[in-house]
Amino acid sequence: RLVYIYHSGFALEADGFSILIDYFKDSDPDRAGTLYILASHFHPDHFNPEVLKWKEQKPDIKYIFSKDILKRRRAKADDAIYLKKGDAYQDELLTIKAFGSTDVGISFLIETEGRRIFHAGD
C-alpha cells in the first residue's frame, strides 16, 4: 500500500515492514515490523531530523539517507547508511538503488516483493 503523506513524503506499507520516504511532517513511527526511513536530501521539506529520535521508540528502524545530509552535518556518520548516486543498499526485504536528482541529493529505486517504486526526490 502506497500512502501520500505530505509534500514529497510517502509511506509504503508491506507485510512485515514499512518505508517512509522524505518525511517532513504528519506521520508517526508506530508501524508494524521494520521501519525504513529514506531521505533524498538535506532540505528541511525532505529531511526532518526529528526522525532520528524515533529509534528510541522503535529499535528496528533503519535510516537510509542521501550523503549530502552527512556532508551538511544534519546527521552524524553513525546515524544512518548514506548513499550517493550509483550506490545501493540491500537486505533480506528490499533493494534500494540511488540515482541522481534534478536538485541536490538523490532519487530512489526501491525493489521489494517483486515490485519497483521510484521516488524522484525533488
Foldseek 3Di string as FASTA:
>chain_A
DWADADDLWIWDDDVQEIEIFQDQDGDADPDGHEYEYEFQADPNSRDDLVVLVCCVVPVRYAYEYACNCCVVVVDDPPSHHHDAAQDWDDDPFWIWHWHPAPDPGTKIWIDGPNDTDTRRRD
